[in-house]
N, C-alpha and C. Protein backbone atom coordinates (compact mmCIF):
# COMPACT_ATOMS: atom_id res chain seq x y z
N MET A 1 74.14 123.36 68.31
CA MET A 1 74.32 123.09 66.91
C MET A 1 75.81 122.89 66.63
N ILE A 2 76.16 121.90 65.84
CA ILE A 2 77.55 121.56 65.52
C ILE A 2 78.00 122.37 64.31
N PRO A 3 79.14 123.05 64.43
CA PRO A 3 79.64 123.86 63.29
C PRO A 3 80.35 122.96 62.28
N TRP A 4 79.59 122.31 61.39
CA TRP A 4 80.15 121.36 60.45
C TRP A 4 81.14 122.02 59.50
N ALA A 5 80.87 123.20 59.12
CA ALA A 5 81.75 123.88 58.17
C ALA A 5 83.13 124.11 58.78
N ALA A 6 83.16 124.51 60.05
CA ALA A 6 84.45 124.74 60.72
C ALA A 6 85.18 123.41 60.93
N LEU A 7 84.44 122.37 61.25
CA LEU A 7 85.07 121.06 61.43
C LEU A 7 85.68 120.56 60.13
N LEU A 8 84.96 120.72 59.03
CA LEU A 8 85.49 120.28 57.74
C LEU A 8 86.69 121.12 57.30
N ARG A 9 86.65 122.40 57.58
CA ARG A 9 87.75 123.29 57.23
C ARG A 9 89.01 122.95 58.03
N HIS A 10 88.85 122.65 59.31
CA HIS A 10 90.00 122.39 60.19
C HIS A 10 90.26 120.89 60.39
N GLY A 11 89.57 120.05 59.63
CA GLY A 11 89.72 118.60 59.74
C GLY A 11 91.15 118.12 59.60
N PRO A 12 91.89 118.56 58.60
CA PRO A 12 93.28 118.11 58.46
C PRO A 12 94.16 118.49 59.65
N MET A 13 93.95 119.69 60.20
CA MET A 13 94.73 120.08 61.40
C MET A 13 94.37 119.21 62.60
N ILE A 14 93.10 118.90 62.74
CA ILE A 14 92.66 118.05 63.86
C ILE A 14 93.28 116.67 63.72
N LEU A 15 93.27 116.10 62.50
CA LEU A 15 93.87 114.78 62.29
C LEU A 15 95.38 114.80 62.54
N ALA A 16 96.06 115.86 62.11
CA ALA A 16 97.50 115.96 62.32
C ALA A 16 97.83 116.05 63.81
N ALA A 17 97.04 116.84 64.53
CA ALA A 17 97.25 116.96 65.98
C ALA A 17 96.98 115.63 66.68
N ALA A 18 95.96 114.92 66.25
CA ALA A 18 95.65 113.61 66.84
C ALA A 18 96.77 112.62 66.57
N ASP A 19 97.32 112.64 65.33
CA ASP A 19 98.45 111.76 65.01
C ASP A 19 99.67 112.07 65.87
N MET A 20 99.97 113.36 66.06
CA MET A 20 101.11 113.74 66.91
C MET A 20 100.89 113.29 68.35
N LEU A 21 99.68 113.46 68.84
CA LEU A 21 99.37 113.06 70.21
C LEU A 21 99.50 111.55 70.37
N LEU A 22 99.00 110.79 69.38
CA LEU A 22 99.11 109.33 69.44
C LEU A 22 100.56 108.89 69.39
N ALA A 23 101.36 109.51 68.52
CA ALA A 23 102.79 109.16 68.43
C ALA A 23 103.51 109.48 69.73
N ARG A 24 103.19 110.62 70.33
CA ARG A 24 103.82 110.99 71.61
C ARG A 24 103.42 110.03 72.72
N ALA A 25 102.16 109.60 72.72
CA ALA A 25 101.70 108.67 73.75
C ALA A 25 102.39 107.33 73.61
N ARG A 26 102.56 106.87 72.36
CA ARG A 26 103.24 105.59 72.14
C ARG A 26 104.71 105.66 72.52
N SER A 27 105.37 106.76 72.19
CA SER A 27 106.80 106.88 72.51
C SER A 27 107.02 107.01 74.01
N SER A 28 106.14 107.72 74.72
CA SER A 28 106.32 107.84 76.17
C SER A 28 106.02 106.53 76.86
N LYS A 29 105.15 105.73 76.27
CA LYS A 29 104.83 104.42 76.86
C LYS A 29 106.03 103.50 76.77
N THR A 30 106.76 103.53 75.67
CA THR A 30 107.93 102.66 75.51
C THR A 30 109.13 103.18 76.28
N GLU A 31 109.25 104.51 76.43
CA GLU A 31 110.39 105.08 77.16
C GLU A 31 110.30 104.79 78.64
N GLY A 32 109.16 105.02 79.26
CA GLY A 32 109.00 104.86 80.69
C GLY A 32 108.41 103.52 81.05
N GLN A 33 108.85 102.48 80.37
CA GLN A 33 108.26 101.17 80.61
C GLN A 33 108.64 100.66 81.99
N THR A 34 107.66 100.15 82.70
CA THR A 34 107.88 99.61 84.05
C THR A 34 108.22 98.13 83.95
N PRO A 35 108.74 97.55 85.05
CA PRO A 35 109.02 96.11 85.02
C PRO A 35 107.75 95.33 84.72
N ASP A 36 107.93 94.15 84.14
CA ASP A 36 106.75 93.38 83.77
C ASP A 36 105.96 92.97 84.99
N SER A 37 104.73 92.56 84.77
CA SER A 37 103.81 92.33 85.89
C SER A 37 104.25 91.16 86.77
N ALA A 38 104.91 90.16 86.21
CA ALA A 38 105.35 89.03 87.03
C ALA A 38 106.40 89.47 88.05
N GLU A 39 107.33 90.33 87.59
CA GLU A 39 108.36 90.83 88.50
C GLU A 39 107.75 91.71 89.58
N ARG A 40 106.81 92.57 89.17
CA ARG A 40 106.15 93.44 90.14
C ARG A 40 105.35 92.62 91.15
N LEU A 41 104.69 91.57 90.67
CA LEU A 41 103.91 90.71 91.56
C LEU A 41 104.83 89.98 92.53
N SER A 42 105.99 89.55 92.06
CA SER A 42 106.96 88.88 92.92
C SER A 42 107.46 89.81 94.02
N LYS A 43 107.75 91.06 93.64
CA LYS A 43 108.20 92.03 94.63
C LYS A 43 107.11 92.32 95.66
N LEU A 44 105.88 92.42 95.17
CA LEU A 44 104.75 92.67 96.07
C LEU A 44 104.55 91.50 97.03
N GLU A 45 104.69 90.29 96.53
CA GLU A 45 104.55 89.11 97.37
C GLU A 45 105.66 89.06 98.42
N GLN A 46 106.89 89.38 98.01
CA GLN A 46 108.01 89.40 98.95
C GLN A 46 107.77 90.45 100.04
N SER A 47 107.31 91.61 99.63
CA SER A 47 107.01 92.67 100.60
C SER A 47 105.92 92.24 101.56
N SER A 48 104.92 91.56 101.04
CA SER A 48 103.83 91.08 101.89
C SER A 48 104.33 90.04 102.89
N ASN A 49 105.21 89.14 102.44
CA ASN A 49 105.77 88.13 103.34
C ASN A 49 106.63 88.79 104.43
N GLU A 50 107.41 89.80 104.05
CA GLU A 50 108.23 90.50 105.04
C GLU A 50 107.35 91.21 106.06
N SER A 51 106.26 91.81 105.61
CA SER A 51 105.34 92.48 106.53
C SER A 51 104.70 91.47 107.48
N ALA A 52 104.32 90.31 106.96
CA ALA A 52 103.72 89.28 107.80
C ALA A 52 104.72 88.79 108.84
N GLN A 53 105.98 88.61 108.45
CA GLN A 53 107.00 88.17 109.40
C GLN A 53 107.23 89.22 110.47
N LEU A 54 107.23 90.49 110.07
CA LEU A 54 107.39 91.58 111.03
C LEU A 54 106.23 91.60 112.03
N LEU A 55 105.01 91.45 111.54
CA LEU A 55 103.85 91.41 112.44
C LEU A 55 103.91 90.22 113.38
N HIS A 56 104.40 89.07 112.87
CA HIS A 56 104.55 87.89 113.72
C HIS A 56 105.56 88.15 114.83
N ASP A 57 106.69 88.77 114.49
CA ASP A 57 107.70 89.10 115.49
C ASP A 57 107.16 90.09 116.53
N ILE A 58 106.41 91.08 116.08
CA ILE A 58 105.82 92.06 117.00
C ILE A 58 104.84 91.37 117.94
N ALA A 59 104.04 90.44 117.42
CA ALA A 59 103.08 89.72 118.26
C ALA A 59 103.80 88.88 119.31
N LYS A 60 104.92 88.26 118.93
CA LYS A 60 105.69 87.48 119.91
C LYS A 60 106.24 88.38 121.00
N GLN A 61 106.73 89.57 120.63
CA GLN A 61 107.26 90.50 121.62
C GLN A 61 106.17 91.01 122.55
N VAL A 62 105.00 91.29 122.00
CA VAL A 62 103.89 91.74 122.84
C VAL A 62 103.48 90.64 123.81
N HIS A 63 103.47 89.40 123.33
CA HIS A 63 103.13 88.27 124.21
C HIS A 63 104.15 88.14 125.35
N ALA A 64 105.44 88.29 125.01
CA ALA A 64 106.48 88.20 126.04
C ALA A 64 106.34 89.35 127.04
N LEU A 65 106.06 90.56 126.56
CA LEU A 65 105.87 91.70 127.47
C LEU A 65 104.66 91.50 128.37
N THR A 66 103.60 90.91 127.83
CA THR A 66 102.41 90.64 128.63
C THR A 66 102.72 89.65 129.75
N ALA A 67 103.48 88.61 129.43
CA ALA A 67 103.84 87.63 130.45
C ALA A 67 104.69 88.26 131.55
N VAL A 68 105.65 89.11 131.16
CA VAL A 68 106.49 89.78 132.16
C VAL A 68 105.65 90.74 133.01
N GLN A 69 104.71 91.43 132.39
CA GLN A 69 103.87 92.38 133.13
C GLN A 69 103.00 91.63 134.13
N LYS A 70 102.46 90.48 133.75
CA LYS A 70 101.64 89.69 134.69
C LYS A 70 102.48 89.21 135.86
N SER A 71 103.70 88.78 135.58
CA SER A 71 104.60 88.32 136.64
C SER A 71 104.93 89.47 137.59
N THR A 72 105.21 90.63 137.04
CA THR A 72 105.53 91.80 137.86
C THR A 72 104.33 92.23 138.70
N ALA A 73 103.15 92.18 138.13
CA ALA A 73 101.95 92.54 138.88
C ALA A 73 101.73 91.58 140.04
N LYS A 74 101.98 90.29 139.80
CA LYS A 74 101.82 89.29 140.87
C LYS A 74 102.82 89.56 142.00
N ARG A 75 104.07 89.88 141.63
CA ARG A 75 105.08 90.18 142.65
C ARG A 75 104.72 91.44 143.43
N ALA A 76 104.20 92.45 142.76
CA ALA A 76 103.79 93.67 143.44
C ALA A 76 102.65 93.39 144.41
N GLN A 77 101.72 92.53 143.99
CA GLN A 77 100.60 92.17 144.88
C GLN A 77 101.12 91.45 146.13
N VAL A 78 102.06 90.54 145.96
CA VAL A 78 102.64 89.84 147.12
C VAL A 78 103.36 90.84 148.02
N ALA A 79 104.08 91.80 147.42
CA ALA A 79 104.80 92.79 148.21
C ALA A 79 103.84 93.66 149.01
N VAL A 80 102.70 94.03 148.42
CA VAL A 80 101.72 94.84 149.14
C VAL A 80 101.14 94.04 150.31
N VAL A 81 100.84 92.77 150.09
CA VAL A 81 100.28 91.94 151.17
C VAL A 81 101.31 91.80 152.29
N LEU A 82 102.57 91.56 151.94
CA LEU A 82 103.62 91.45 152.96
C LEU A 82 103.81 92.78 153.70
N GLY A 83 103.70 93.88 152.97
CA GLY A 83 103.81 95.19 153.61
C GLY A 83 102.69 95.42 154.61
N ILE A 84 101.46 95.05 154.24
CA ILE A 84 100.32 95.20 155.15
C ILE A 84 100.51 94.31 156.38
N ALA A 85 101.01 93.09 156.14
CA ALA A 85 101.26 92.19 157.27
C ALA A 85 102.33 92.77 158.19
N ALA A 86 103.37 93.37 157.62
CA ALA A 86 104.43 93.97 158.43
C ALA A 86 103.90 95.15 159.24
N VAL A 87 103.04 95.97 158.64
CA VAL A 87 102.45 97.10 159.36
C VAL A 87 101.57 96.58 160.50
N ALA A 88 100.83 95.53 160.25
CA ALA A 88 99.96 94.96 161.29
C ALA A 88 100.81 94.41 162.44
N LEU A 89 101.90 93.71 162.12
CA LEU A 89 102.77 93.18 163.17
C LEU A 89 103.43 94.32 163.96
N ALA A 90 103.84 95.38 163.25
CA ALA A 90 104.45 96.51 163.93
C ALA A 90 103.44 97.19 164.85
N ALA A 91 102.20 97.33 164.39
CA ALA A 91 101.16 97.94 165.22
C ALA A 91 100.90 97.07 166.44
N GLY A 92 100.87 95.74 166.25
CA GLY A 92 100.69 94.84 167.38
C GLY A 92 101.83 94.93 168.37
N ALA A 93 103.05 95.04 167.84
CA ALA A 93 104.21 95.15 168.73
C ALA A 93 104.17 96.45 169.51
N CYS A 94 103.74 97.54 168.86
CA CYS A 94 103.62 98.83 169.55
C CYS A 94 102.56 98.74 170.64
N MET A 95 101.48 98.05 170.39
CA MET A 95 100.42 97.91 171.38
C MET A 95 100.92 97.11 172.57
N LEU A 96 101.70 96.04 172.31
CA LEU A 96 102.24 95.24 173.41
C LEU A 96 103.19 96.06 174.26
N ILE A 97 104.00 96.91 173.59
CA ILE A 97 104.95 97.73 174.33
C ILE A 97 104.20 98.75 175.17
N LEU A 98 103.16 99.35 174.64
CA LEU A 98 102.40 100.36 175.39
C LEU A 98 101.61 99.74 176.55
N LEU A 99 101.15 98.53 176.39
CA LEU A 99 100.37 97.88 177.45
C LEU A 99 101.25 97.30 178.54
N SER A 100 102.52 97.05 178.27
CA SER A 100 103.31 96.46 179.33
C SER A 100 103.98 97.44 180.22
C-alpha cells in the first residue's frame, strides 16, 4: 500500500531534492565535458591504424625469422649427413688399417 499522506506531506521536500539533483547533474556534465565525438573517433581511428601497422611489422619479422630458421635447419641437416659420411669413412679407414 502506498502512503499517500506521507507523500503529499513531504512532496515539496522531494521536489526540492529532485531539483538539486538535476542541477548538480547538469553542472557536472558541463564541467567534465569530454572531447567531441568526431575528435574521439579520429583518435580511435589513428590508434587502430597504428595497431594495424604494428601487427604488419610483427608479421614481417615473424616471416623473416621463419625463413632464417628454415635455412638453419637445412644447414644442420647437411651437417648431420656430412658427419655421418665422415664417421663411415673413418670406420672404413680403420677397417682397412686393421685388415692390412
